[in-house]
Structures are given as C-alpha cells and as structure tokens.
PDB file of N, CA and C in Angstrom:
ATOM      1  N   UNK A   1     -19.874  76.880  33.887  1.00  0.00           N
ATOM      2  CA  UNK A   1     -19.363  78.053  33.465  1.00  0.00           C
ATOM      3  C   UNK A   1     -21.214  78.353  32.813  1.00  0.00           C
ATOM      4  N   UNK A   2     -21.836  79.969  33.140  1.00  0.00           N
ATOM      5  CA  UNK A   2     -23.293  79.808  32.539  1.00  0.00           C
ATOM      6  C   UNK A   2     -22.860  80.876  31.438  1.00  0.00           C
ATOM      7  N   UNK A   3     -23.542  80.846  30.246  1.00  0.00           N
ATOM      8  CA  UNK A   3     -24.094  81.389  29.508  1.00  0.00           C
ATOM      9  C   UNK A   3     -24.883  81.925  28.761  1.00  0.00           C
ATOM     10  N   UNK A   4     -24.787  83.806  28.673  1.00  0.00           N
ATOM     11  CA  UNK A   4     -26.468  83.858  28.306  1.00  0.00           C
ATOM     12  C   UNK A   4     -26.305  84.174  26.603  1.00  0.00           C
ATOM     13  N   UNK A   5     -28.102  84.937  26.060  1.00  0.00           N
ATOM     14  CA  UNK A   5     -28.142  84.872  25.255  1.00  0.00           C
ATOM     15  C   UNK A   5     -27.845  87.062  25.108  1.00  0.00           C
ATOM     16  N   UNK A   6     -27.659  88.101  24.419  1.00  0.00           N
ATOM     17  CA  UNK A   6     -27.122  88.870  24.529  1.00  0.00           C
ATOM     18  C   UNK A   6     -27.642  89.762  22.528  1.00  0.00           C
ATOM     19  N   UNK A   7     -27.977  91.172  22.710  1.00  0.00           N
ATOM     20  CA  UNK A   7     -27.773  92.039  21.268  1.00  0.00           C
ATOM     21  C   UNK A   7     -27.524  93.196  22.079  1.00  0.00           C
ATOM     22  N   UNK A   8     -26.487  93.363  20.519  1.00  0.00           N
ATOM     23  CA  UNK A   8     -25.230  94.016  20.414  1.00  0.00           C
ATOM     24  C   UNK A   8     -25.726  95.069  19.341  1.00  0.00           C
ATOM     25  N   UNK A   9     -25.792  96.424  19.663  1.00  0.00           N
ATOM     26  CA  UNK A   9     -26.531  97.344  19.463  1.00  0.00           C
ATOM     27  C   UNK A   9     -24.991  98.112  19.169  1.00  0.00           C
ATOM     28  N   UNK A  10     -25.129  99.380  17.232  1.00  0.00           N
ATOM     29  CA  UNK A  10     -23.917  99.863  17.011  1.00  0.00           C
ATOM     30  C   UNK A  10     -22.698  99.902  17.046  1.00  0.00           C
ATOM     31  N   UNK A  11     -22.553  98.226  16.839  1.00  0.00           N
ATOM     32  CA  UNK A  11     -21.391  97.652  16.150  1.00  0.00           C
ATOM     33  C   UNK A  11     -21.217  97.751  14.849  1.00  0.00           C
ATOM     34  N   UNK A  12     -19.702  98.652  14.975  1.00  0.00           N
ATOM     35  CA  UNK A  12     -18.721  98.999  13.300  1.00  0.00           C
ATOM     36  C   UNK A  12     -18.876  97.799  12.747  1.00  0.00           C
ATOM     37  N   UNK A  13     -19.983  98.250  11.287  1.00  0.00           N
ATOM     38  CA  UNK A  13     -19.433  96.905  10.584  1.00  0.00           C
ATOM     39  C   UNK A  13     -18.987  96.140  10.062  1.00  0.00           C
ATOM     40  N   UNK A  14     -17.665  97.269   9.805  1.00  0.00           N
ATOM     41  CA  UNK A  14     -16.344  96.331   9.525  1.00  0.00           C
ATOM     42  C   UNK A  14     -15.659  96.078  10.339  1.00  0.00           C
ATOM     43  N   UNK A  15     -15.306  96.183  11.742  1.00  0.00           N
ATOM     44  CA  UNK A  15     -15.173  95.650  13.212  1.00  0.00           C
ATOM     45  C   UNK A  15     -15.839  94.443  13.780  1.00  0.00           C
ATOM     46  N   UNK A  16     -17.222  93.874  13.380  1.00  0.00           N
ATOM     47  CA  UNK A  16     -17.807  92.854  13.056  1.00  0.00           C
ATOM     48  C   UNK A  16     -17.907  91.757  12.366  1.00  0.00           C
ATOM     49  N   UNK A  17     -17.338  92.071  10.854  1.00  0.00           N
ATOM     50  CA  UNK A  17     -16.926  91.251   9.817  1.00  0.00           C
ATOM     51  C   UNK A  17     -16.107  90.454   9.665  1.00  0.00           C
ATOM     52  N   UNK A  18     -14.210  91.358  10.632  1.00  0.00           N
ATOM     53  CA  UNK A  18     -13.241  91.126  10.240  1.00  0.00           C
ATOM     54  C   UNK A  18     -12.741  90.237  11.842  1.00  0.00           C
ATOM     55  N   UNK A  19     -13.497  90.688  12.658  1.00  0.00           N
ATOM     56  CA  UNK A  19     -13.817  89.294  14.255  1.00  0.00           C
ATOM     57  C   UNK A  19     -14.916  88.030  14.125  1.00  0.00           C
ATOM     58  N   UNK A  20     -15.667  87.994  13.119  1.00  0.00           N
ATOM     59  CA  UNK A  20     -16.110  87.045  11.943  1.00  0.00           C
ATOM     60  C   UNK A  20     -15.233  85.983  11.183  1.00  0.00           C
ATOM     61  N   UNK A  21     -14.284  87.044  10.816  1.00  0.00           N
ATOM     62  CA  UNK A  21     -13.239  86.336  10.101  1.00  0.00           C
ATOM     63  C   UNK A  21     -12.651  85.242  10.499  1.00  0.00           C
ATOM     64  N   UNK A  22     -12.079  86.107  11.504  1.00  0.00           N
ATOM     65  CA  UNK A  22     -10.763  86.215  12.924  1.00  0.00           C
ATOM     66  C   UNK A  22     -11.927  84.443  13.861  1.00  0.00           C
ATOM     67  N   UNK A  23     -12.231  84.604  13.600  1.00  0.00           N
ATOM     68  CA  UNK A  23     -13.444  83.030  14.519  1.00  0.00           C
ATOM     69  C   UNK A  23     -13.132  82.344  13.568  1.00  0.00           C
ATOM     70  N   UNK A  24     -13.215  82.466  12.203  1.00  0.00           N
ATOM     71  CA  UNK A  24     -13.741  81.724  10.943  1.00  0.00           C
ATOM     72  C   UNK A  24     -12.443  81.055  11.025  1.00  0.00           C
ATOM     73  N   UNK A  25     -11.198  81.787  11.342  1.00  0.00           N
ATOM     74  CA  UNK A  25      -9.455  80.717  10.717  1.00  0.00           C
ATOM     75  C   UNK A  25      -9.297  80.524  12.130  1.00  0.00           C
ATOM     76  N   UNK A  26     -10.087  80.320  12.840  1.00  0.00           N
ATOM     77  CA  UNK A  26      -9.649  79.846  14.025  1.00  0.00           C
ATOM     78  C   UNK A  26     -10.945  78.706  14.380  1.00  0.00           C
ATOM     79  N   UNK A  27     -11.611  78.247  13.724  1.00  0.00           N
ATOM     80  CA  UNK A  27     -12.805  77.696  14.005  1.00  0.00           C
ATOM     81  C   UNK A  27     -12.974  78.192  15.499  1.00  0.00           C
ATOM     82  N   UNK A  28     -13.270  78.516  15.415  1.00  0.00           N
ATOM     83  CA  UNK A  28     -14.187  79.357  17.428  1.00  0.00           C
ATOM     84  C   UNK A  28     -15.695  79.765  16.474  1.00  0.00           C
ATOM     85  N   UNK A  29     -16.845  79.621  17.444  1.00  0.00           N
ATOM     86  CA  UNK A  29     -17.568  80.524  16.885  1.00  0.00           C
ATOM     87  C   UNK A  29     -17.501  81.745  17.188  1.00  0.00           C
ATOM     88  N   UNK A  30     -18.432  82.436  17.091  1.00  0.00           N
ATOM     89  CA  UNK A  30     -19.046  84.202  17.294  1.00  0.00           C
ATOM     90  C   UNK A  30     -18.775  84.383  18.455  1.00  0.00           C
ATOM     91  N   UNK A  31     -19.350  83.722  19.870  1.00  0.00           N
ATOM     92  CA  UNK A  31     -19.431  83.732  21.004  1.00  0.00           C
ATOM     93  C   UNK A  31     -18.855  83.810  21.306  1.00  0.00           C
ATOM     94  N   UNK A  32     -17.738  82.915  20.998  1.00  0.00           N
ATOM     95  CA  UNK A  32     -15.901  82.328  21.797  1.00  0.00           C
ATOM     96  C   UNK A  32     -15.509  83.841  21.489  1.00  0.00           C
ATOM     97  N   UNK A  33     -15.999  83.527  20.233  1.00  0.00           N
ATOM     98  CA  UNK A  33     -14.896  85.347  19.621  1.00  0.00           C
ATOM     99  C   UNK A  33     -15.242  86.717  20.521  1.00  0.00           C
ATOM    100  N   UNK A  34     -16.663  86.902  20.864  1.00  0.00           N
ATOM    101  CA  UNK A  34     -16.661  88.470  21.321  1.00  0.00           C
ATOM    102  C   UNK A  34     -16.003  87.930  22.777  1.00  0.00           C
ATOM    103  N   UNK A  35     -16.637  86.301  23.092  1.00  0.00           N
ATOM    104  CA  UNK A  35     -16.493  86.018  24.478  1.00  0.00           C
ATOM    105  C   UNK A  35     -14.850  86.766  24.931  1.00  0.00           C
ATOM    106  N   UNK A  36     -13.498  85.891  24.083  1.00  0.00           N
ATOM    107  CA  UNK A  36     -12.245  86.204  23.774  1.00  0.00           C
ATOM    108  C   UNK A  36     -12.038  87.910  24.245  1.00  0.00           C
ATOM    109  N   UNK A  37     -12.529  88.422  23.078  1.00  0.00           N
ATOM    110  CA  UNK A  37     -12.475  89.760  22.906  1.00  0.00           C
ATOM    111  C   UNK A  37     -12.880  90.322  23.992  1.00  0.00           C
ATOM    112  N   UNK A  38     -13.833  90.233  24.682  1.00  0.00           N
ATOM    113  CA  UNK A  38     -14.091  91.213  25.501  1.00  0.00           C
ATOM    114  C   UNK A  38     -14.090  90.657  27.604  1.00  0.00           C
ATOM    115  N   UNK A  39     -13.271  89.847  27.891  1.00  0.00           N
ATOM    116  CA  UNK A  39     -12.063  89.689  28.234  1.00  0.00           C
ATOM    117  C   UNK A  39     -10.256  90.399  28.284  1.00  0.00           C
ATOM    118  N   UNK A  40     -10.079  90.165  27.092  1.00  0.00           N
ATOM    119  CA  UNK A  40      -8.769  90.920  26.625  1.00  0.00           C
ATOM    120  C   UNK A  40      -9.113  92.250  27.583  1.00  0.00           C
ATOM    121  N   UNK A  41     -10.135  92.997  26.782  1.00  0.00           N
ATOM    122  CA  UNK A  41     -10.664  94.203  26.311  1.00  0.00           C
ATOM    123  C   UNK A  41     -10.462  94.531  28.340  1.00  0.00           C
ATOM    124  N   UNK A  42     -11.280  93.328  29.042  1.00  0.00           N
ATOM    125  CA  UNK A  42     -11.729  94.312  30.138  1.00  0.00           C
ATOM    126  C   UNK A  42      -9.771  93.833  31.287  1.00  0.00           C
ATOM    127  N   UNK A  43      -8.750  92.578  30.697  1.00  0.00           N
ATOM    128  CA  UNK A  43      -7.599  91.977  30.882  1.00  0.00           C
ATOM    129  C   UNK A  43      -7.041  93.345  30.962  1.00  0.00           C
ATOM    130  N   UNK A  44      -7.128  93.935  30.071  1.00  0.00           N
ATOM    131  CA  UNK A  44      -6.499  95.814  29.743  1.00  0.00           C
ATOM    132  C   UNK A  44      -6.453  96.724  30.224  1.00  0.00           C
ATOM    133  N   UNK A  45      -7.735  96.272  30.369  1.00  0.00           N
ATOM    134  CA  UNK A  45      -8.675  98.213  31.394  1.00  0.00           C
ATOM    135  C   UNK A  45      -7.656  97.861  32.385  1.00  0.00           C
ATOM    136  N   UNK A  46      -8.363  97.202  33.254  1.00  0.00           N
ATOM    137  CA  UNK A  46      -7.510  96.871  34.604  1.00  0.00           C
ATOM    138  C   UNK A  46      -6.128  97.310  34.614  1.00  0.00           C
ATOM    139  N   UNK A  47      -5.651  96.451  33.720  1.00  0.00           N
ATOM    140  CA  UNK A  47      -3.655  96.390  33.619  1.00  0.00           C
ATOM    141  C   UNK A  47      -3.240  98.376  33.462  1.00  0.00           C
ATOM    142  N   UNK A  48      -4.221  98.879  33.369  1.00  0.00           N
ATOM    143  CA  UNK A  48      -4.179 100.352  33.281  1.00  0.00           C
ATOM    144  C   UNK A  48      -4.761 101.400  33.903  1.00  0.00           C
ATOM    145  N   UNK A  49      -5.333 100.541  34.848  1.00  0.00           N
ATOM    146  CA  UNK A  49      -5.735 101.605  35.361  1.00  0.00           C
ATOM    147  C   UNK A  49      -5.108 101.701  36.571  1.00  0.00           C
ATOM    148  N   UNK A  50      -4.197 100.247  36.948  1.00  0.00           N
ATOM    149  CA  UNK A  50      -3.150 100.234  38.376  1.00  0.00           C
ATOM    150  C   UNK A  50      -1.972 100.768  37.736  1.00  0.00           C
ATOM    151  N   UNK A  51      -1.625 102.045  39.389  1.00  0.00           N
ATOM    152  CA  UNK A  51      -1.484 102.746  39.205  1.00  0.00           C
ATOM    153  C   UNK A  51       0.466 102.720  38.450  1.00  0.00           C
ATOM    154  N   UNK A  52       0.760 103.651  37.787  1.00  0.00           N
ATOM    155  CA  UNK A  52       2.107 102.767  37.586  1.00  0.00           C
ATOM    156  C   UNK A  52       2.432 101.926  37.034  1.00  0.00           C
ATOM    157  N   UNK A  53       0.802 101.273  35.666  1.00  0.00           N
ATOM    158  CA  UNK A  53       1.228 100.355  34.547  1.00  0.00           C
ATOM    159  C   UNK A  53       1.433 100.842  33.889  1.00  0.00           C
ATOM    160  N   UNK A  54       1.797 100.544  33.175  1.00  0.00           N
ATOM    161  CA  UNK A  54       2.246 100.420  31.174  1.00  0.00           C
ATOM    162  C   UNK A  54       2.121  99.884  30.474  1.00  0.00           C
ATOM    163  N   UNK A  55       2.944 100.376  29.337  1.00  0.00           N
ATOM    164  CA  UNK A  55       1.971  99.808  27.998  1.00  0.00           C
ATOM    165  C   UNK A  55       3.528  98.453  27.449  1.00  0.00           C
ATOM    166  N   UNK A  56       3.744  98.271  28.136  1.00  0.00           N
ATOM    167  CA  UNK A  56       5.031  96.822  28.265  1.00  0.00           C
ATOM    168  C   UNK A  56       3.989  95.528  29.228  1.00  0.00           C
ATOM    169  N   UNK A  57       2.845  96.599  29.886  1.00  0.00           N
ATOM    170  CA  UNK A  57       2.617  95.405  31.129  1.00  0.00           C
ATOM    171  C   UNK A  57       1.332  94.346  29.510  1.00  0.00           C
ATOM    172  N   UNK A  58       1.622  95.320  28.815  1.00  0.00           N
ATOM    173  CA  UNK A  58       0.011  94.112  28.227  1.00  0.00           C
ATOM    174  C   UNK A  58       0.379  93.108  27.989  1.00  0.00           C
ATOM    175  N   UNK A  59      -0.106  91.528  27.275  1.00  0.00           N
ATOM    176  CA  UNK A  59       0.222  90.505  26.871  1.00  0.00           C
ATOM    177  C   UNK A  59       0.412  90.355  25.462  1.00  0.00           C
ATOM    178  N   UNK A  60       1.512  89.980  25.400  1.00  0.00           N
ATOM    179  CA  UNK A  60       1.857  89.782  23.725  1.00  0.00           C
ATOM    180  C   UNK A  60       0.840  89.179  22.924  1.00  0.00           C
ATOM    181  N   UNK A  61       0.236  88.920  21.797  1.00  0.00           N
ATOM    182  CA  UNK A  61      -0.805  88.288  20.897  1.00  0.00           C
ATOM    183  C   UNK A  61       0.259  87.121  20.308  1.00  0.00           C
ATOM    184  N   UNK A  62      -1.060  86.196  20.070  1.00  0.00           N
ATOM    185  CA  UNK A  62       0.124  85.298  18.898  1.00  0.00           C
ATOM    186  C   UNK A  62      -1.206  85.443  17.578  1.00  0.00           C
ATOM    187  N   UNK A  63      -0.264  86.043  16.943  1.00  0.00           N
ATOM    188  CA  UNK A  63      -1.629  86.280  15.772  1.00  0.00           C
ATOM    189  C   UNK A  63      -1.015  84.381  14.381  1.00  0.00           C
ATOM    190  N   UNK A  64      -0.421  83.614  15.053  1.00  0.00           N
ATOM    191  CA  UNK A  64      -0.417  82.519  14.933  1.00  0.00           C
ATOM    192  C   UNK A  64       0.390  82.267  13.445  1.00  0.00           C
ATOM    193  N   UNK A  65       0.609  81.182  13.437  1.00  0.00           N
ATOM    194  CA  UNK A  65       2.190  80.473  12.106  1.00  0.00           C
ATOM    195  C   UNK A  65       1.911  81.752  10.942  1.00  0.00           C
ATOM    196  N   UNK A  66       2.858  81.696   9.987  1.00  0.00           N
ATOM    197  CA  UNK A  66       3.319  82.920   9.437  1.00  0.00           C
ATOM    198  C   UNK A  66       3.372  84.354   9.510  1.00  0.00           C
ATOM    199  N   UNK A  67       3.167  84.890  10.446  1.00  0.00           N
ATOM    200  CA  UNK A  67       2.986  85.584  11.209  1.00  0.00           C
ATOM    201  C   UNK A  67       4.397  86.056  11.880  1.00  0.00           C
ATOM    202  N   UNK A  68       5.365  85.755  12.234  1.00  0.00           N
ATOM    203  CA  UNK A  68       6.826  85.924  13.151  1.00  0.00           C
ATOM    204  C   UNK A  68       7.696  86.851  12.542  1.00  0.00           C
ATOM    205  N   UNK A  69       7.073  87.187  11.323  1.00  0.00           N
ATOM    206  CA  UNK A  69       8.783  88.158  10.478  1.00  0.00           C
ATOM    207  C   UNK A  69       7.499  90.042   9.410  1.00  0.00           C
ATOM    208  N   UNK A  70       6.104  88.941  10.086  1.00  0.00           N
ATOM    209  CA  UNK A  70       5.179  90.240  10.236  1.00  0.00           C
ATOM    210  C   UNK A  70       6.312  91.995  10.449  1.00  0.00           C
ATOM    211  N   UNK A  71       6.998  92.629  11.375  1.00  0.00           N
ATOM    212  CA  UNK A  71       7.709  93.645  11.809  1.00  0.00           C
ATOM    213  C   UNK A  71       8.546  94.024  10.900  1.00  0.00           C
ATOM    214  N   UNK A  72       9.166  92.974  10.478  1.00  0.00           N
ATOM    215  CA  UNK A  72      10.654  92.874   9.815  1.00  0.00           C
ATOM    216  C   UNK A  72       9.965  93.167   7.995  1.00  0.00           C
ATOM    217  N   UNK A  73       8.921  93.080   7.335  1.00  0.00           N
ATOM    218  CA  UNK A  73       7.705  92.625   6.283  1.00  0.00           C
ATOM    219  C   UNK A  73       7.794  94.223   6.280  1.00  0.00           C
ATOM    220  N   UNK A  74       6.996  94.759   7.225  1.00  0.00           N
ATOM    221  CA  UNK A  74       6.548  95.839   7.445  1.00  0.00           C
ATOM    222  C   UNK A  74       7.527  97.134   7.284  1.00  0.00           C
ATOM    223  N   UNK A  75       8.548  96.859   7.952  1.00  0.00           N
ATOM    224  CA  UNK A  75      10.182  97.924   7.935  1.00  0.00           C
ATOM    225  C   UNK A  75       9.928  97.544   6.354  1.00  0.00           C
ATOM    226  N   UNK A  76      10.249  96.248   5.590  1.00  0.00           N
ATOM    227  CA  UNK A  76      11.373  97.085   4.441  1.00  0.00           C
ATOM    228  C   UNK A  76       9.994  97.385   3.302  1.00  0.00           C
ATOM    229  N   UNK A  77       8.667  97.694   3.651  1.00  0.00           N
ATOM    230  CA  UNK A  77       7.900  97.918   2.573  1.00  0.00           C
ATOM    231  C   UNK A  77       8.273  99.574   2.892  1.00  0.00           C
ATOM    232  N   UNK A  78       7.889  99.962   4.675  1.00  0.00           N
ATOM    233  CA  UNK A  78       8.001 101.139   4.937  1.00  0.00           C
ATOM    234  C   UNK A  78       9.181 102.181   4.978  1.00  0.00           C
ATOM    235  N   UNK A  79      10.111 101.413   4.661  1.00  0.00           N
ATOM    236  CA  UNK A  79      11.000 101.837   4.829  1.00  0.00           C
ATOM    237  C   UNK A  79      12.123 101.938   3.466  1.00  0.00           C
ATOM    238  N   UNK A  80      11.915 100.911   2.297  1.00  0.00           N
ATOM    239  CA  UNK A  80      12.437 100.886   1.492  1.00  0.00           C
ATOM    240  C   UNK A  80      12.347 101.405   0.048  1.00  0.00           C
TER     241      UNK A  80
END
C-alpha cells in the first residue's frame, strides 16, 4: 500500500476538530481517520449512483459500546 502526504484547504474547523476527537477515541492517527472518511464517502457515492440505489443500501456505522440505545434515548428526549 502506498501512502501520500497531502494538504487540504477550506476544511470546516469544527468538522476537523470532530474528526480528530473521534480518531483519538479510536486510537487512530489523523491520516487513518481521513483515509477511512474518504473511503466511506467514495463507497457511498458509488452506491447512490447505481440505478435504483436506495437509502437502505447504506451500510450501518458502529458508534461503539454504549451507543446501542441512542435512538431510544433521543426519542425519550424529543417526545417526552
């Protein structure tokens, strides 16, 4: 596998901070996190370009331990 050094301009500061924080939580360096984000973006773009692609074609994302009840918790906050 070949790696390259790049410079990226016009990145939203908050998005970069969130990516760095998530990478740190997963014990990844920023390059690994950016690579993963690029691969995810490219894969999903291809999925939606296919004729007949649906929202349900997206692959689920694992947000880690403790996130299993997020939708229930969010519903409780929104609808109580």
